[in-house]
Amino acid sequence: MSGKKYFVLMEGDNDTAQVFVSKQPRGAALKAATRGHTDICLRERGTNKVHCFVGSTAMVDKPKNGPAWLPAKIKKANVKKTGIKHL
């Protein structure tokens, strides 16, 4: 078993077409935050759980051991879990 879980991004109480794949809900929320979402609610497929996060992004310097093709500034996401809702 691969452990992959599918999380559907919700806006309001409706599903969107965006689906994020990750083992944990935080990983999916980081992907959503990287794409610019700030109020993140992810419905876990196959369950009645909705994971809610607050996300942000910041431009930071690239790591010292980063590859040469990486730009000098990169986008770094940060999320904080605010709770779980049950449908």
N, C-alpha and C. Protein backbone atom coordinates (compact mmCIF):
# COMPACT_ATOMS: atom_id res chain seq x y z
N MET A 1 0.84 -1.18 0.00
CA MET A 1 0.00 0.00 0.00
C MET A 1 0.88 1.24 0.00
N SER A 2 0.58 2.18 -0.87
CA SER A 2 1.44 3.35 -1.04
C SER A 2 1.21 4.41 0.03
N GLY A 3 0.04 4.45 0.64
CA GLY A 3 -0.23 5.44 1.67
C GLY A 3 -0.66 6.78 1.13
N LYS A 4 -0.89 6.89 -0.19
CA LYS A 4 -1.33 8.15 -0.77
C LYS A 4 -2.77 8.44 -0.36
N LYS A 5 -3.03 9.69 -0.09
CA LYS A 5 -4.38 10.14 0.19
C LYS A 5 -4.68 11.30 -0.74
N TYR A 6 -5.94 11.43 -1.10
CA TYR A 6 -6.37 12.48 -2.01
C TYR A 6 -7.18 13.49 -1.23
N PHE A 7 -6.82 14.77 -1.39
CA PHE A 7 -7.48 15.86 -0.68
C PHE A 7 -8.03 16.84 -1.71
N VAL A 8 -9.33 17.12 -1.62
CA VAL A 8 -10.01 18.02 -2.55
C VAL A 8 -10.11 19.39 -1.89
N LEU A 9 -9.66 20.43 -2.59
CA LEU A 9 -9.74 21.79 -2.07
C LEU A 9 -11.19 22.24 -2.09
N MET A 10 -11.64 22.84 -0.99
CA MET A 10 -13.00 23.33 -0.88
C MET A 10 -13.00 24.85 -0.76
N GLU A 11 -13.95 25.48 -1.42
CA GLU A 11 -14.18 26.92 -1.27
C GLU A 11 -15.61 27.08 -0.79
N GLY A 12 -15.77 27.67 0.38
CA GLY A 12 -17.09 27.69 1.00
C GLY A 12 -17.43 26.27 1.43
N ASP A 13 -18.57 25.79 0.99
CA ASP A 13 -18.95 24.40 1.27
C ASP A 13 -18.93 23.56 0.01
N ASN A 14 -18.33 24.07 -1.06
CA ASN A 14 -18.33 23.36 -2.35
C ASN A 14 -16.93 22.89 -2.71
N ASP A 15 -16.86 21.72 -3.34
CA ASP A 15 -15.59 21.21 -3.84
C ASP A 15 -15.14 21.99 -5.05
N THR A 16 -13.84 22.10 -5.24
CA THR A 16 -13.28 22.68 -6.46
C THR A 16 -12.71 21.53 -7.29
N ALA A 17 -12.13 21.85 -8.42
CA ALA A 17 -11.55 20.83 -9.30
C ALA A 17 -10.12 20.49 -8.90
N GLN A 18 -9.57 21.20 -7.90
CA GLN A 18 -8.18 20.96 -7.51
C GLN A 18 -8.08 19.84 -6.49
N VAL A 19 -7.25 18.85 -6.81
CA VAL A 19 -7.02 17.71 -5.92
C VAL A 19 -5.52 17.64 -5.65
N PHE A 20 -5.16 17.51 -4.37
CA PHE A 20 -3.77 17.41 -3.96
C PHE A 20 -3.54 16.02 -3.38
N VAL A 21 -2.41 15.40 -3.73
CA VAL A 21 -2.08 14.05 -3.28
C VAL A 21 -0.91 14.14 -2.31
N SER A 22 -1.09 13.53 -1.14
CA SER A 22 -0.04 13.52 -0.13
C SER A 22 -0.37 12.44 0.89
N LYS A 23 0.62 12.04 1.66
CA LYS A 23 0.37 11.06 2.73
C LYS A 23 -0.35 11.70 3.90
N GLN A 24 -0.04 12.97 4.16
CA GLN A 24 -0.62 13.69 5.30
C GLN A 24 -1.35 14.93 4.80
N PRO A 25 -2.36 15.41 5.54
CA PRO A 25 -3.07 16.61 5.11
C PRO A 25 -2.19 17.86 5.08
N ARG A 26 -1.17 17.91 5.94
CA ARG A 26 -0.28 19.08 5.96
C ARG A 26 0.48 19.21 4.64
N GLY A 27 0.91 18.09 4.09
CA GLY A 27 1.62 18.12 2.81
C GLY A 27 0.75 18.68 1.70
N ALA A 28 -0.52 18.28 1.68
CA ALA A 28 -1.46 18.79 0.69
C ALA A 28 -1.71 20.28 0.92
N ALA A 29 -1.79 20.69 2.19
CA ALA A 29 -2.01 22.11 2.50
C ALA A 29 -0.81 22.95 2.08
N LEU A 30 0.40 22.43 2.23
CA LEU A 30 1.59 23.17 1.77
C LEU A 30 1.56 23.36 0.26
N LYS A 31 1.11 22.35 -0.47
CA LYS A 31 1.00 22.47 -1.92
C LYS A 31 -0.03 23.54 -2.29
N ALA A 32 -1.16 23.56 -1.58
CA ALA A 32 -2.19 24.57 -1.84
C ALA A 32 -1.68 25.97 -1.50
N ALA A 33 -0.94 26.10 -0.41
CA ALA A 33 -0.41 27.42 -0.02
C ALA A 33 0.61 27.91 -1.03
N THR A 34 1.42 27.00 -1.59
CA THR A 34 2.39 27.37 -2.60
C THR A 34 1.71 27.95 -3.83
N ARG A 35 0.51 27.47 -4.11
CA ARG A 35 -0.26 27.96 -5.27
C ARG A 35 -1.06 29.22 -4.96
N GLY A 36 -0.91 29.78 -3.74
CA GLY A 36 -1.49 31.07 -3.43
C GLY A 36 -2.75 31.06 -2.58
N HIS A 37 -3.22 29.91 -2.13
CA HIS A 37 -4.42 29.86 -1.29
C HIS A 37 -4.04 30.19 0.15
N THR A 38 -4.89 30.98 0.83
CA THR A 38 -4.59 31.35 2.21
C THR A 38 -5.54 30.69 3.20
N ASP A 39 -6.82 30.60 2.88
CA ASP A 39 -7.80 29.92 3.73
C ASP A 39 -8.05 28.56 3.09
N ILE A 40 -7.44 27.52 3.64
CA ILE A 40 -7.40 26.21 2.98
C ILE A 40 -8.26 25.21 3.75
N CYS A 41 -9.27 24.66 3.08
CA CYS A 41 -10.07 23.57 3.62
C CYS A 41 -9.96 22.41 2.65
N LEU A 42 -9.47 21.28 3.14
CA LEU A 42 -9.23 20.11 2.30
C LEU A 42 -10.11 18.96 2.76
N ARG A 43 -10.96 18.46 1.84
CA ARG A 43 -11.80 17.31 2.15
C ARG A 43 -11.02 16.05 1.79
N GLU A 44 -10.90 15.16 2.75
CA GLU A 44 -10.19 13.90 2.52
C GLU A 44 -11.16 12.93 1.85
N ARG A 45 -10.78 12.46 0.66
CA ARG A 45 -11.64 11.53 -0.07
C ARG A 45 -11.79 10.22 0.70
N GLY A 46 -13.01 9.68 0.69
CA GLY A 46 -13.26 8.41 1.35
C GLY A 46 -13.60 8.53 2.82
N THR A 47 -13.54 9.73 3.38
CA THR A 47 -13.88 9.94 4.78
C THR A 47 -14.84 11.13 4.86
N ASN A 48 -15.27 11.44 6.07
CA ASN A 48 -16.13 12.61 6.26
C ASN A 48 -15.38 13.75 6.93
N LYS A 49 -14.05 13.79 6.78
CA LYS A 49 -13.22 14.80 7.43
C LYS A 49 -12.88 15.94 6.46
N VAL A 50 -12.90 17.16 6.99
CA VAL A 50 -12.41 18.34 6.28
C VAL A 50 -11.34 18.97 7.14
N HIS A 51 -10.10 19.00 6.65
CA HIS A 51 -8.97 19.56 7.38
C HIS A 51 -8.85 21.04 7.01
N CYS A 52 -8.80 21.92 8.01
CA CYS A 52 -8.75 23.36 7.77
C CYS A 52 -7.39 23.92 8.20
N PHE A 53 -6.83 24.76 7.34
CA PHE A 53 -5.52 25.37 7.56
C PHE A 53 -5.56 26.85 7.20
N VAL A 54 -4.62 27.60 7.75
CA VAL A 54 -4.34 28.97 7.33
C VAL A 54 -2.94 28.93 6.74
N GLY A 55 -2.80 29.43 5.51
CA GLY A 55 -1.51 29.35 4.84
C GLY A 55 -0.98 30.69 4.39
N SER A 56 0.33 30.72 4.16
CA SER A 56 0.98 31.92 3.65
C SER A 56 2.24 31.50 2.89
N THR A 57 2.76 32.42 2.11
CA THR A 57 4.02 32.18 1.41
C THR A 57 4.95 33.36 1.63
N ALA A 58 6.23 33.08 1.54
CA ALA A 58 7.24 34.13 1.69
C ALA A 58 8.36 33.85 0.69
N MET A 59 8.98 34.91 0.19
CA MET A 59 10.13 34.77 -0.69
C MET A 59 11.38 34.75 0.19
N VAL A 60 12.16 33.68 0.08
CA VAL A 60 13.37 33.53 0.89
C VAL A 60 14.56 33.27 -0.02
N ASP A 61 15.76 33.46 0.52
CA ASP A 61 16.98 33.17 -0.23
C ASP A 61 17.09 31.68 -0.47
N LYS A 62 17.70 31.30 -1.59
CA LYS A 62 17.88 29.87 -1.87
C LYS A 62 18.87 29.28 -0.87
N PRO A 63 18.80 27.98 -0.60
CA PRO A 63 19.73 27.36 0.33
C PRO A 63 21.17 27.45 -0.17
N LYS A 64 22.12 27.43 0.74
CA LYS A 64 23.53 27.53 0.35
C LYS A 64 23.97 26.34 -0.51
N ASN A 65 23.38 25.17 -0.26
CA ASN A 65 23.74 23.99 -1.04
C ASN A 65 22.77 23.75 -2.20
N GLY A 66 21.99 24.76 -2.57
CA GLY A 66 21.02 24.63 -3.67
C GLY A 66 21.71 24.53 -5.02
N PRO A 67 21.04 23.91 -6.00
CA PRO A 67 21.64 23.79 -7.33
C PRO A 67 21.77 25.15 -8.03
N ALA A 68 22.64 25.20 -9.01
CA ALA A 68 22.93 26.46 -9.70
C ALA A 68 21.73 26.99 -10.48
N TRP A 69 20.87 26.08 -10.97
CA TRP A 69 19.72 26.52 -11.77
C TRP A 69 18.61 27.13 -10.93
N LEU A 70 18.67 26.98 -9.61
CA LEU A 70 17.65 27.53 -8.72
C LEU A 70 17.81 29.04 -8.64
N PRO A 71 16.71 29.81 -8.75
CA PRO A 71 16.84 31.27 -8.66
C PRO A 71 17.30 31.71 -7.27
N ALA A 72 17.73 32.96 -7.17
CA ALA A 72 18.27 33.48 -5.92
C ALA A 72 17.20 33.55 -4.83
N LYS A 73 15.96 33.82 -5.20
CA LYS A 73 14.84 33.86 -4.24
C LYS A 73 13.85 32.77 -4.61
N ILE A 74 13.38 32.01 -3.61
CA ILE A 74 12.39 30.96 -3.85
C ILE A 74 11.17 31.20 -2.96
N LYS A 75 10.03 30.63 -3.36
CA LYS A 75 8.80 30.75 -2.61
C LYS A 75 8.72 29.63 -1.57
N LYS A 76 8.50 29.99 -0.32
CA LYS A 76 8.40 29.01 0.75
C LYS A 76 7.03 29.13 1.41
N ALA A 77 6.33 28.00 1.50
CA ALA A 77 4.99 27.99 2.08
C ALA A 77 5.04 27.68 3.56
N ASN A 78 4.03 28.17 4.28
CA ASN A 78 3.89 27.89 5.70
C ASN A 78 2.39 27.72 5.98
N VAL A 79 2.02 26.69 6.74
CA VAL A 79 0.62 26.46 7.08
C VAL A 79 0.48 26.19 8.58
N LYS A 80 -0.71 26.51 9.10
CA LYS A 80 -1.03 26.21 10.49
C LYS A 80 -2.43 25.62 10.51
N LYS A 81 -2.56 24.47 11.14
CA LYS A 81 -3.85 23.79 11.19
C LYS A 81 -4.77 24.48 12.19
N THR A 82 -6.01 24.75 11.75
CA THR A 82 -6.97 25.40 12.63
C THR A 82 -8.02 24.43 13.15
N GLY A 83 -8.11 23.24 12.55
CA GLY A 83 -9.05 22.25 13.07
C GLY A 83 -9.54 21.28 12.01
N ILE A 84 -10.40 20.38 12.44
CA ILE A 84 -11.02 19.40 11.58
C ILE A 84 -12.53 19.53 11.72
N LYS A 85 -13.22 19.55 10.58
CA LYS A 85 -14.69 19.54 10.58
C LYS A 85 -15.15 18.17 10.11
N HIS A 86 -16.28 17.72 10.58
CA HIS A 86 -16.85 16.46 10.11
C HIS A 86 -18.14 16.77 9.36
N LEU A 87 -18.25 16.17 8.18
CA LEU A 87 -19.45 16.38 7.36
C LEU A 87 -20.59 15.50 7.83
